[in-house]
Amino acid sequence: MPNTGLFYLLDVIGDASQEDPQALNRLAFVRAQCLHCHAILSLSGPPGLVNVAHGAAVLTCDRCTNRQAISGARFADFVRRVQHGLIPAAAEIAQTLDTGVDAAHLQRPT
């Protein structure tokens, strides 16, 4: 799921686990929107992106200091969904908002 409660994930890049290729060991880059101040963040290291055990990380907004620890499973689920096209592209969301179509029903074909 892209909505973590305090951030909306847009892009996640990380190192795949050798034991489980569907899991991430470490995050290299996260692009997300802060749901408090609406800033778009590009995080690639401390203090905005701090890796913790098993692919989990702490995201911190540099604009409003909104901060959240997010499990590795959440990031791995996001990566799986994006690879399978279950999350609409940003352009599709913008077009939906412009036309008044319900964004909750948007899904890419699998």
Protein backbone atom coordinates (compact mmCIF):
# COMPACT_ATOMS: atom_id res chain seq x y z
CA MET A 1 0.00 0.00 0.00
CA PRO A 2 1.38 3.40 -0.87
CA ASN A 3 -0.33 5.20 2.05
CA THR A 4 1.68 4.55 5.22
CA GLY A 5 -0.43 6.86 7.38
CA LEU A 6 2.03 9.78 7.44
CA PHE A 7 3.58 9.42 3.96
CA TYR A 8 2.39 8.41 0.50
CA LEU A 9 5.03 6.29 -1.23
CA LEU A 10 5.76 7.17 -4.85
CA ASP A 11 9.01 5.27 -5.56
CA VAL A 12 11.03 2.75 -3.58
CA ILE A 13 14.42 1.37 -4.61
CA GLY A 14 16.29 -1.12 -2.48
CA ASP A 15 18.49 -4.18 -2.36
CA ALA A 16 16.61 -7.48 -2.64
CA SER A 17 17.13 -10.06 0.08
CA GLN A 18 19.02 -13.18 -1.01
CA GLU A 19 16.79 -15.37 1.17
CA ASP A 20 13.55 -13.88 -0.12
CA PRO A 21 13.70 -11.97 -3.44
CA GLN A 22 10.32 -10.39 -2.62
CA ALA A 23 11.81 -8.69 0.48
CA LEU A 24 14.21 -5.78 0.73
CA ASN A 25 17.38 -5.77 2.85
CA ARG A 26 18.13 -2.09 2.62
CA LEU A 27 16.52 0.92 0.99
CA ALA A 28 18.64 3.05 -1.31
CA PHE A 29 16.02 5.64 -2.32
CA VAL A 30 12.47 6.59 -1.39
CA ARG A 31 10.34 9.25 -3.04
CA ALA A 32 7.25 10.05 -1.01
CA GLN A 33 4.76 12.77 -0.26
CA CYS A 34 4.44 13.96 3.32
CA LEU A 35 0.75 13.80 4.18
CA HIS A 36 1.14 16.52 6.81
CA CYS A 37 2.71 19.36 4.77
CA HIS A 38 2.33 17.78 1.27
CA ALA A 39 6.03 18.18 0.38
CA ILE A 40 7.44 15.74 -2.18
CA LEU A 41 10.55 14.15 -0.69
CA SER A 42 13.46 12.43 -2.43
CA LEU A 43 15.28 10.56 0.31
CA SER A 44 18.51 8.61 -0.13
CA GLY A 45 20.16 8.74 3.27
CA PRO A 46 20.12 10.25 6.76
CA PRO A 47 18.46 12.21 8.17
CA GLY A 48 15.46 11.74 5.84
CA LEU A 49 15.93 8.00 5.24
CA VAL A 50 17.41 5.86 7.99
CA ASN A 51 17.59 2.12 7.35
CA VAL A 52 16.89 -0.24 10.24
CA ALA A 53 16.75 -4.06 10.38
CA HIS A 54 15.12 -6.25 7.70
CA GLY A 55 14.34 -3.58 5.12
CA ALA A 56 12.51 -1.31 7.52
CA ALA A 57 13.27 2.40 7.58
CA VAL A 58 12.42 5.66 9.29
CA LEU A 59 11.28 8.48 7.00
CA THR A 60 11.54 12.09 8.16
CA CYS A 61 10.15 15.09 6.31
CA ASP A 62 12.82 17.81 6.13
CA ARG A 63 10.13 20.47 5.81
CA CYS A 64 7.82 19.77 8.79
CA THR A 65 9.75 17.03 10.69
CA ASN A 66 6.89 14.54 10.25
CA ARG A 67 8.51 11.17 11.10
CA GLN A 68 7.44 7.53 10.77
CA ALA A 69 9.05 4.11 11.09
CA ILE A 70 7.82 1.84 8.29
CA SER A 71 8.21 -1.93 8.21
CA GLY A 72 10.22 -3.73 5.57
CA ALA A 73 7.10 -5.73 4.71
CA ARG A 74 5.28 -2.49 3.79
CA PHE A 75 8.08 -1.44 1.42
CA ALA A 76 8.30 -4.94 -0.11
CA ASP A 77 4.52 -4.99 -0.64
CA PHE A 78 4.71 -1.59 -2.33
CA VAL A 79 7.49 -2.78 -4.66
CA ARG A 80 5.54 -5.95 -5.57
CA ARG A 81 2.38 -3.97 -6.33
CA VAL A 82 4.21 -1.43 -8.49
CA GLN A 83 5.97 -4.19 -10.45
CA HIS A 84 2.61 -5.83 -11.12
CA GLY A 85 0.93 -2.54 -12.04
CA LEU A 86 -1.60 -2.40 -9.22
CA ILE A 87 -0.89 1.23 -8.38
CA PRO A 88 -1.97 3.82 -10.96
CA ALA A 89 0.71 6.05 -12.43
CA ALA A 90 0.77 9.66 -11.25
CA ALA A 91 -0.42 10.84 -14.68
CA GLU A 92 -3.45 8.53 -14.42
CA ILE A 93 -4.28 9.95 -11.00
CA ALA A 94 -3.98 13.55 -12.24
CA GLN A 95 -6.17 12.79 -15.26
CA THR A 96 -8.74 11.15 -12.98
CA LEU A 97 -8.87 14.19 -10.72
CA ASP A 98 -9.31 16.48 -13.75
CA THR A 99 -12.18 14.42 -15.17
CA GLY A 100 -13.92 13.72 -11.86
CA VAL A 101 -13.64 9.92 -12.20
CA ASP A 102 -13.46 8.01 -8.91
CA ALA A 103 -9.71 7.35 -8.35
CA ALA A 104 -10.45 4.42 -6.02
CA HIS A 105 -11.51 2.32 -9.01
CA LEU A 106 -8.38 2.94 -11.08
CA GLN A 107 -6.21 -0.14 -11.58
CA ARG A 108 -3.80 -1.12 -14.27
CA PRO A 109 -4.57 -4.41 -16.01
CA THR A 110 -2.44 -7.34 -14.81
